[in-house]
Protein backbone atom coordinates (compact mmCIF):
# COMPACT_ATOMS: atom_id res chain seq x y z
CA MET A 1 10.53 -32.22 -7.05
CA PRO A 2 10.70 -28.69 -5.55
CA LEU A 3 7.53 -26.83 -4.70
CA ASN A 4 6.74 -24.16 -7.28
CA ILE A 5 4.85 -21.32 -5.55
CA GLY A 6 4.01 -19.67 -8.88
CA THR A 7 2.25 -22.83 -10.06
CA LEU A 8 0.37 -23.15 -6.78
CA ASN A 9 -0.79 -19.54 -6.95
CA SER A 10 -1.81 -19.91 -10.58
CA ASN A 11 -3.68 -23.12 -9.78
CA MET A 12 -5.48 -21.46 -6.86
CA VAL A 13 -6.46 -18.50 -9.03
CA GLN A 14 -7.74 -20.75 -11.84
CA ARG A 15 -9.58 -23.23 -9.60
CA TYR A 16 -11.06 -20.97 -6.95
CA PHE A 17 -10.58 -17.23 -7.38
CA LEU A 18 -11.76 -16.75 -10.98
CA PRO A 19 -14.78 -19.08 -10.58
CA ALA A 20 -15.73 -17.24 -7.37
CA LEU A 21 -15.66 -13.91 -9.22
CA LYS A 22 -17.79 -15.37 -11.99
CA SER A 23 -20.35 -16.93 -9.65
CA ALA A 24 -20.64 -13.63 -7.75
CA ASP A 25 -21.09 -11.81 -11.09
CA LEU A 26 -18.06 -9.64 -10.36
CA PRO A 27 -15.68 -8.33 -13.00
CA ARG A 28 -12.51 -10.29 -13.62
CA ILE A 29 -9.56 -8.76 -11.76
CA ARG A 30 -6.05 -9.91 -10.97
CA PHE A 31 -5.64 -11.66 -7.64
CA HIS A 32 -2.93 -9.11 -6.77
CA ASP A 33 -5.53 -6.34 -7.13
CA LEU A 34 -6.98 -7.53 -3.82
CA ARG A 35 -3.77 -6.40 -2.14
CA HIS A 36 -4.15 -2.90 -3.54
CA THR A 37 -7.83 -2.82 -2.65
CA ASN A 38 -7.00 -3.84 0.91
CA ALA A 39 -4.41 -1.06 1.28
CA SER A 40 -6.70 1.51 -0.37
CA ILE A 41 -9.61 0.72 1.94
CA ARG A 42 -7.36 0.85 4.99
CA LEU A 43 -6.01 4.26 3.94
CA ALA A 44 -9.50 5.58 3.23
CA ASN A 45 -10.49 4.56 6.76
CA GLY A 46 -7.54 6.37 8.31
CA GLU A 47 -5.45 3.34 9.27
CA ASN A 48 -1.91 4.06 10.41
CA ILE A 49 0.58 3.96 7.52
CA LYS A 50 3.08 2.00 9.63
CA TYR A 51 0.49 -0.71 10.23
CA ILE A 52 -0.35 -0.86 6.51
CA GLN A 53 3.37 -1.05 5.71
CA THR A 54 3.83 -4.08 7.96
CA GLN A 55 0.71 -5.80 6.60
CA LEU A 56 1.90 -5.36 3.02
CA GLY A 57 5.45 -6.42 3.87
CA HIS A 58 7.04 -3.23 2.55
CA ALA A 59 10.56 -2.52 3.75
CA SER A 60 9.58 0.90 5.12
CA PRO A 61 6.62 3.28 5.40
CA THR A 62 8.25 5.32 2.64
CA VAL A 63 7.71 2.48 0.17
CA THR A 64 4.04 2.33 1.15
CA LEU A 65 3.73 6.12 0.88
CA ASN A 66 5.33 6.08 -2.58
CA VAL A 67 2.77 3.57 -3.83
CA TYR A 68 -0.37 4.83 -2.07
CA ALA A 69 0.20 8.52 -1.29
CA HIS A 70 -2.11 9.63 -4.10
CA LEU A 71 -4.99 7.98 -2.24
CA MET A 72 -4.40 9.75 1.04
CA ASN A 73 -6.73 12.49 2.15
CA PRO A 74 -5.03 15.90 2.14
CA THR A 75 -5.68 16.12 5.89
CA ASN A 76 -3.67 12.92 6.40
CA GLN A 77 -0.63 14.08 4.46
CA ASP A 78 0.88 16.13 7.27
CA ALA A 79 0.42 13.16 9.59
CA ALA A 80 2.11 10.89 7.04
CA CYS A 81 5.05 13.29 6.82
CA ARG A 82 5.33 13.40 10.60
CA LEU A 83 5.40 9.59 10.68
CA GLU A 84 8.04 9.49 7.98
CA ASN A 85 10.16 12.01 9.87
CA ALA A 86 9.67 10.13 13.14
CA VAL A 87 10.75 6.84 11.57
CA PHE A 88 13.58 8.16 9.40
CA GLY A 89 14.54 11.41 11.11
CA SER A 90 16.01 14.19 9.06
CA VAL A 91 16.75 11.92 6.08
CA GLY A 92 13.11 10.89 5.62
CA HIS A 93 12.38 13.48 2.98
CA ARG A 94 15.23 12.15 0.83
CA LEU A 95 14.13 8.51 0.88
CA GLY A 96 11.44 8.67 -1.74
CA THR A 97 8.51 10.96 -1.11
CA LYS A 98 8.11 13.39 -3.92
CA LYS A 99 7.13 17.03 -3.74
CA GLU A 100 4.99 16.56 -6.83
CA LYS A 101 2.96 13.97 -4.94
CA GLY A 102 2.14 16.64 -2.36
CA LEU A 103 3.62 14.88 0.64
CA ARG A 104 6.12 17.46 1.76
CA SER A 105 4.56 20.06 3.95
CA ASN A 106 6.20 23.26 5.10
CA SER A 107 4.52 22.90 8.48
CA VAL A 108 6.20 19.56 9.23
CA THR A 109 9.48 19.68 11.11
CA PRO A 110 11.87 16.72 11.33
């Protein structure tokens, strides 16, 4: 019988995660929310976006920026754009960052 990862994860959540939340008198959250919390805390503490990208298993820093850019401090946005341009060169701005998210900066040069 093949191993079903979904069943294992569900079993782990039901047996250990949810009871741990209850015993700690914490609100019920999805197990996956821990992933977002981890990334959010790392961003808030100024961790490098490339490092966060590799920890989360995203294909590129652009994916990570698309998901978490709204949490970045305004002072970090120019640095994030510089990283994106360094990784992707002149095509970086076309890979997914959005002007409406405030990531494009006129002061950043590819």
